[in-house]
Amino acid sequence: MRYRVRTPEGELEYPSLREVEQAYAAGLVAPEDEVLEEGGTLWRKAGSLPTLAQAQRRHRGARPSSASQGLIILIAAVLGVFALLLVRSGRGVFGLLIAIAIASLLFRVTAHAFRRKR
């Protein structure tokens, strides 16, 4: 069943409630925006729909907290020192592998922090 979402910028149409849930959890649909089910006549605030409120709570629970991101950064720093020690001792290949792992960890932390600021 299709759904229409009315925002101050205009209207969007979603093929199902699942897509509306995903957009709501991602912040693309605000609680003040209005939702209309196909064939319906009553526009309802997105924040008043229990399905959307639950989707936002599930999505919020999946995000790492600031404390866990701080722990990841601390682990990356310790691993960085270890990688430097490996390179200095002549085991540069292992140091390089650890450096790649550190880069992926820090990329993840940066991506989450960027999303949180929006």
N, C-alpha and C. Protein backbone atom coordinates (compact mmCIF):
# COMPACT_ATOMS: atom_id res chain seq x y z
N MET A 1 0.84 -1.17 0.00
CA MET A 1 0.00 0.00 0.00
C MET A 1 0.90 1.25 0.00
N ARG A 2 0.58 2.21 -0.82
CA ARG A 2 1.38 3.42 -0.96
C ARG A 2 1.03 4.43 0.13
N TYR A 3 2.03 5.28 0.42
CA TYR A 3 1.85 6.33 1.41
C TYR A 3 2.37 7.65 0.85
N ARG A 4 1.67 8.73 1.18
CA ARG A 4 2.14 10.07 0.80
C ARG A 4 2.57 10.79 2.07
N VAL A 5 3.68 11.50 1.98
CA VAL A 5 4.19 12.27 3.10
C VAL A 5 4.24 13.73 2.68
N ARG A 6 3.59 14.59 3.47
CA ARG A 6 3.54 16.02 3.18
C ARG A 6 4.48 16.74 4.15
N THR A 7 5.46 17.43 3.57
CA THR A 7 6.42 18.21 4.34
C THR A 7 6.26 19.68 3.96
N PRO A 8 6.91 20.59 4.68
CA PRO A 8 6.84 22.00 4.28
C PRO A 8 7.40 22.24 2.87
N GLU A 9 8.30 21.37 2.42
CA GLU A 9 8.90 21.52 1.09
C GLU A 9 8.05 20.93 -0.02
N GLY A 10 7.08 20.08 0.32
CA GLY A 10 6.25 19.45 -0.70
C GLY A 10 5.82 18.06 -0.27
N GLU A 11 5.38 17.26 -1.25
CA GLU A 11 4.89 15.92 -0.97
C GLU A 11 5.79 14.88 -1.62
N LEU A 12 5.94 13.76 -0.92
CA LEU A 12 6.66 12.60 -1.44
C LEU A 12 5.76 11.39 -1.36
N GLU A 13 5.95 10.46 -2.28
CA GLU A 13 5.17 9.23 -2.26
C GLU A 13 6.11 8.06 -2.01
N TYR A 14 5.72 7.18 -1.10
CA TYR A 14 6.51 6.00 -0.76
C TYR A 14 5.70 4.76 -1.11
N PRO A 15 6.37 3.72 -1.63
CA PRO A 15 5.64 2.52 -2.05
C PRO A 15 5.04 1.72 -0.90
N SER A 16 5.63 1.82 0.32
CA SER A 16 5.11 1.06 1.45
C SER A 16 5.45 1.76 2.75
N LEU A 17 4.83 1.27 3.81
CA LEU A 17 5.09 1.84 5.13
C LEU A 17 6.54 1.57 5.55
N ARG A 18 7.10 0.48 5.09
CA ARG A 18 8.51 0.15 5.42
C ARG A 18 9.45 1.26 4.94
N GLU A 19 9.24 1.77 3.74
CA GLU A 19 10.07 2.86 3.23
C GLU A 19 9.86 4.15 4.02
N VAL A 20 8.63 4.39 4.46
CA VAL A 20 8.37 5.56 5.28
C VAL A 20 9.10 5.40 6.62
N GLU A 21 9.07 4.19 7.20
CA GLU A 21 9.79 3.92 8.45
C GLU A 21 11.28 4.22 8.30
N GLN A 22 11.87 3.73 7.21
CA GLN A 22 13.29 3.95 6.98
C GLN A 22 13.60 5.44 6.84
N ALA A 23 12.77 6.16 6.12
CA ALA A 23 12.98 7.59 5.95
C ALA A 23 12.81 8.33 7.28
N TYR A 24 11.87 7.89 8.10
CA TYR A 24 11.64 8.51 9.40
C TYR A 24 12.83 8.26 10.32
N ALA A 25 13.32 7.03 10.35
CA ALA A 25 14.47 6.69 11.19
C ALA A 25 15.72 7.44 10.75
N ALA A 26 15.85 7.69 9.46
CA ALA A 26 17.01 8.41 8.93
C ALA A 26 16.87 9.93 9.08
N GLY A 27 15.70 10.40 9.51
CA GLY A 27 15.50 11.83 9.70
C GLY A 27 15.00 12.55 8.46
N LEU A 28 14.66 11.81 7.42
CA LEU A 28 14.14 12.44 6.20
C LEU A 28 12.67 12.82 6.34
N VAL A 29 11.97 12.11 7.20
CA VAL A 29 10.59 12.44 7.52
C VAL A 29 10.58 12.87 8.99
N ALA A 30 10.11 14.09 9.25
CA ALA A 30 10.09 14.64 10.60
C ALA A 30 8.80 14.27 11.31
N PRO A 31 8.80 14.30 12.65
CA PRO A 31 7.57 14.00 13.39
C PRO A 31 6.41 14.94 13.05
N GLU A 32 6.71 16.19 12.62
CA GLU A 32 5.66 17.15 12.28
C GLU A 32 5.08 16.92 10.88
N ASP A 33 5.78 16.16 10.04
CA ASP A 33 5.30 15.91 8.69
C ASP A 33 4.03 15.06 8.76
N GLU A 34 3.20 15.17 7.73
CA GLU A 34 1.92 14.47 7.72
C GLU A 34 1.98 13.29 6.76
N VAL A 35 1.30 12.21 7.16
CA VAL A 35 1.30 10.97 6.39
C VAL A 35 -0.14 10.61 6.03
N LEU A 36 -0.33 10.19 4.77
CA LEU A 36 -1.65 9.78 4.29
C LEU A 36 -1.52 8.42 3.64
N GLU A 37 -2.34 7.48 4.12
CA GLU A 37 -2.36 6.14 3.55
C GLU A 37 -3.18 6.17 2.26
N GLU A 38 -2.76 5.37 1.28
CA GLU A 38 -3.47 5.32 0.00
C GLU A 38 -4.95 4.98 0.23
N GLY A 39 -5.82 5.77 -0.34
CA GLY A 39 -7.26 5.56 -0.19
C GLY A 39 -7.84 6.24 1.03
N GLY A 40 -6.98 6.77 1.90
CA GLY A 40 -7.45 7.43 3.11
C GLY A 40 -7.72 8.91 2.86
N THR A 41 -8.36 9.54 3.83
CA THR A 41 -8.65 10.96 3.73
C THR A 41 -8.08 11.76 4.90
N LEU A 42 -7.58 11.04 5.92
CA LEU A 42 -7.09 11.69 7.13
C LEU A 42 -5.56 11.76 7.13
N TRP A 43 -5.02 12.98 7.10
CA TRP A 43 -3.58 13.18 7.22
C TRP A 43 -3.23 13.09 8.71
N ARG A 44 -2.22 12.28 9.04
CA ARG A 44 -1.79 12.14 10.43
C ARG A 44 -0.34 12.57 10.57
N LYS A 45 -0.01 13.16 11.71
CA LYS A 45 1.38 13.55 12.00
C LYS A 45 2.22 12.27 12.07
N ALA A 46 3.39 12.30 11.47
CA ALA A 46 4.27 11.13 11.46
C ALA A 46 4.63 10.71 12.88
N GLY A 47 4.83 11.68 13.77
CA GLY A 47 5.19 11.37 15.14
C GLY A 47 4.10 10.66 15.92
N SER A 48 2.85 10.73 15.44
CA SER A 48 1.74 10.09 16.15
C SER A 48 1.53 8.64 15.71
N LEU A 49 2.25 8.19 14.69
CA LEU A 49 2.10 6.81 14.23
C LEU A 49 3.03 5.90 15.04
N PRO A 50 2.49 4.94 15.78
CA PRO A 50 3.32 4.08 16.63
C PRO A 50 4.40 3.32 15.86
N THR A 51 4.09 2.91 14.66
CA THR A 51 5.06 2.17 13.85
C THR A 51 6.31 3.02 13.59
N LEU A 52 6.14 4.29 13.30
CA LEU A 52 7.26 5.17 13.02
C LEU A 52 8.06 5.48 14.29
N ALA A 53 7.36 5.65 15.40
CA ALA A 53 8.06 5.92 16.66
C ALA A 53 8.93 4.72 17.05
N GLN A 54 8.43 3.52 16.85
CA GLN A 54 9.21 2.31 17.15
C GLN A 54 10.41 2.20 16.22
N ALA A 55 10.23 2.56 14.97
CA ALA A 55 11.34 2.48 14.01
C ALA A 55 12.45 3.43 14.42
N GLN A 56 12.10 4.61 14.91
CA GLN A 56 13.12 5.58 15.33
C GLN A 56 13.87 5.06 16.56
N ARG A 57 13.16 4.44 17.51
CA ARG A 57 13.83 3.89 18.69
C ARG A 57 14.77 2.77 18.31
N ARG A 58 14.35 1.89 17.40
CA ARG A 58 15.22 0.79 16.96
C ARG A 58 16.46 1.35 16.29
N HIS A 59 16.28 2.36 15.45
CA HIS A 59 17.40 2.95 14.72
C HIS A 59 18.35 3.65 15.68
N ARG A 60 17.82 4.36 16.66
CA ARG A 60 18.64 5.07 17.62
C ARG A 60 19.45 4.09 18.46
N GLY A 61 18.88 2.95 18.82
CA GLY A 61 19.58 1.95 19.61
C GLY A 61 20.72 1.30 18.85
N ALA A 62 20.69 1.33 17.53
CA ALA A 62 21.74 0.70 16.73
C ALA A 62 22.98 1.57 16.62
N ARG A 63 22.86 2.85 16.92
CA ARG A 63 24.00 3.75 16.80
C ARG A 63 24.94 3.60 17.98
N PRO A 64 26.24 3.63 17.72
CA PRO A 64 27.17 3.58 18.83
C PRO A 64 27.13 4.88 19.63
N SER A 65 27.33 4.77 20.93
CA SER A 65 27.32 5.95 21.78
C SER A 65 28.65 6.68 21.68
N SER A 66 28.71 7.88 22.23
CA SER A 66 29.95 8.65 22.23
C SER A 66 31.02 7.93 23.03
N ALA A 67 30.62 7.27 24.12
CA ALA A 67 31.59 6.54 24.94
C ALA A 67 32.21 5.39 24.16
N SER A 68 31.39 4.65 23.43
CA SER A 68 31.95 3.53 22.67
C SER A 68 32.84 4.03 21.53
N GLN A 69 32.50 5.18 20.95
CA GLN A 69 33.37 5.73 19.91
C GLN A 69 34.69 6.20 20.51
N GLY A 70 34.64 6.75 21.72
CA GLY A 70 35.88 7.13 22.40
C GLY A 70 36.76 5.93 22.68
N LEU A 71 36.14 4.82 23.05
CA LEU A 71 36.88 3.58 23.28
C LEU A 71 37.53 3.08 21.98
N ILE A 72 36.81 3.17 20.89
CA ILE A 72 37.36 2.76 19.60
C ILE A 72 38.57 3.62 19.24
N ILE A 73 38.49 4.92 19.50
CA ILE A 73 39.61 5.81 19.20
C ILE A 73 40.82 5.46 20.08
N LEU A 74 40.57 5.15 21.35
CA LEU A 74 41.65 4.75 22.25
C LEU A 74 42.31 3.46 21.77
N ILE A 75 41.51 2.50 21.37
CA ILE A 75 42.05 1.24 20.84
C ILE A 75 42.87 1.50 19.58
N ALA A 76 42.38 2.38 18.73
CA ALA A 76 43.12 2.71 17.50
C ALA A 76 44.47 3.35 17.83
N ALA A 77 44.51 4.20 18.85
CA ALA A 77 45.77 4.83 19.24
C ALA A 77 46.77 3.79 19.76
N VAL A 78 46.30 2.87 20.59
CA VAL A 78 47.17 1.82 21.12
C VAL A 78 47.67 0.93 19.99
N LEU A 79 46.78 0.58 19.08
CA LEU A 79 47.20 -0.24 17.93
C LEU A 79 48.18 0.52 17.05
N GLY A 80 48.01 1.83 16.95
CA GLY A 80 48.94 2.64 16.15
C GLY A 80 50.34 2.61 16.73
N VAL A 81 50.45 2.71 18.04
CA VAL A 81 51.76 2.62 18.69
C VAL A 81 52.36 1.23 18.45
N PHE A 82 51.54 0.21 18.57
CA PHE A 82 52.01 -1.16 18.33
C PHE A 82 52.48 -1.33 16.89
N ALA A 83 51.74 -0.75 15.94
CA ALA A 83 52.13 -0.84 14.53
C ALA A 83 53.46 -0.14 14.29
N LEU A 84 53.65 1.02 14.91
CA LEU A 84 54.94 1.72 14.78
C LEU A 84 56.09 0.91 15.35
N LEU A 85 55.86 0.26 16.48
CA LEU A 85 56.90 -0.60 17.06
C LEU A 85 57.23 -1.77 16.14
N LEU A 86 56.23 -2.34 15.50
CA LEU A 86 56.47 -3.43 14.55
C LEU A 86 57.29 -2.96 13.36
N VAL A 87 56.96 -1.78 12.84
CA VAL A 87 57.71 -1.25 11.70
C VAL A 87 59.16 -0.98 12.10
N ARG A 88 59.33 -0.43 13.27
CA ARG A 88 60.68 -0.11 13.75
C ARG A 88 61.52 -1.36 13.98
N SER A 89 60.87 -2.46 14.37
CA SER A 89 61.61 -3.71 14.63
C SER A 89 61.85 -4.52 13.36
N GLY A 90 61.41 -4.00 12.21
CA GLY A 90 61.67 -4.70 10.95
C GLY A 90 60.52 -5.56 10.47
N ARG A 91 59.40 -5.53 11.14
CA ARG A 91 58.22 -6.31 10.72
C ARG A 91 57.17 -5.36 10.13
N GLY A 92 57.59 -4.67 9.10
CA GLY A 92 56.76 -3.64 8.49
C GLY A 92 55.47 -4.15 7.88
N VAL A 93 55.46 -5.39 7.41
CA VAL A 93 54.25 -5.94 6.79
C VAL A 93 53.13 -6.04 7.82
N PHE A 94 53.48 -6.52 9.01
CA PHE A 94 52.45 -6.63 10.06
C PHE A 94 52.00 -5.24 10.52
N GLY A 95 52.95 -4.32 10.59
CA GLY A 95 52.60 -2.95 10.95
C GLY A 95 51.66 -2.34 9.94
N LEU A 96 51.88 -2.62 8.66
CA LEU A 96 51.02 -2.11 7.60
C LEU A 96 49.61 -2.69 7.72
N LEU A 97 49.51 -3.97 8.01
CA LEU A 97 48.19 -4.60 8.17
C LEU A 97 47.43 -3.97 9.33
N ILE A 98 48.13 -3.73 10.43
CA ILE A 98 47.48 -3.10 11.58
C ILE A 98 47.07 -1.67 11.23
N ALA A 99 47.90 -0.96 10.47
CA ALA A 99 47.58 0.41 10.06
C ALA A 99 46.32 0.44 9.19
N ILE A 100 46.15 -0.55 8.33
CA ILE A 100 44.94 -0.62 7.51
C ILE A 100 43.72 -0.85 8.39
N ALA A 101 43.85 -1.72 9.38
CA ALA A 101 42.73 -1.95 10.31
C ALA A 101 42.39 -0.68 11.07
N ILE A 102 43.41 0.07 11.49
CA ILE A 102 43.18 1.32 12.20
C ILE A 102 42.45 2.32 11.30
N ALA A 103 42.87 2.40 10.06
CA ALA A 103 42.22 3.33 9.12
C ALA A 103 40.75 3.00 8.95
N SER A 104 40.41 1.72 8.87
CA SER A 104 39.00 1.35 8.71
C SER A 104 38.21 1.67 9.97
N LEU A 105 38.79 1.45 11.14
CA LEU A 105 38.11 1.81 12.39
C LEU A 105 37.84 3.31 12.47
N LEU A 106 38.85 4.10 12.15
CA LEU A 106 38.70 5.54 12.25
C LEU A 106 37.76 6.09 11.18
N PHE A 107 37.72 5.45 10.02
CA PHE A 107 36.76 5.84 8.99
C PHE A 107 35.34 5.63 9.51
N ARG A 108 35.11 4.49 10.17
CA ARG A 108 33.79 4.18 10.72
C ARG A 108 33.39 5.21 11.78
N VAL A 109 34.31 5.55 12.68
CA VAL A 109 34.03 6.53 13.72
C VAL A 109 33.69 7.89 13.10
N THR A 110 34.46 8.29 12.10
CA THR A 110 34.24 9.58 11.45
C THR A 110 32.87 9.60 10.74
N ALA A 111 32.53 8.52 10.07
CA ALA A 111 31.24 8.46 9.37
C ALA A 111 30.09 8.56 10.36
N HIS A 112 30.16 7.87 11.49
CA HIS A 112 29.11 7.94 12.49
C HIS A 112 29.01 9.34 13.10
N ALA A 113 30.15 9.95 13.37
CA ALA A 113 30.15 11.29 13.95
C ALA A 113 29.55 12.30 12.96
N PHE A 114 29.83 12.15 11.69
CA PHE A 114 29.29 13.06 10.67
C PHE A 114 27.78 12.92 10.60
N ARG A 115 27.27 11.67 10.62
CA ARG A 115 25.83 11.45 10.57
C ARG A 115 25.13 12.01 11.79
N ARG A 116 25.76 11.92 12.93
CA ARG A 116 25.15 12.38 14.18
C ARG A 116 24.99 13.89 14.20
N LYS A 117 25.87 14.64 13.55
CA LYS A 117 25.84 16.10 13.58
C LYS A 117 24.69 16.68 12.78
N ARG A 118 24.10 15.93 11.84
CA ARG A 118 23.01 16.46 11.02
C ARG A 118 21.79 16.72 11.82
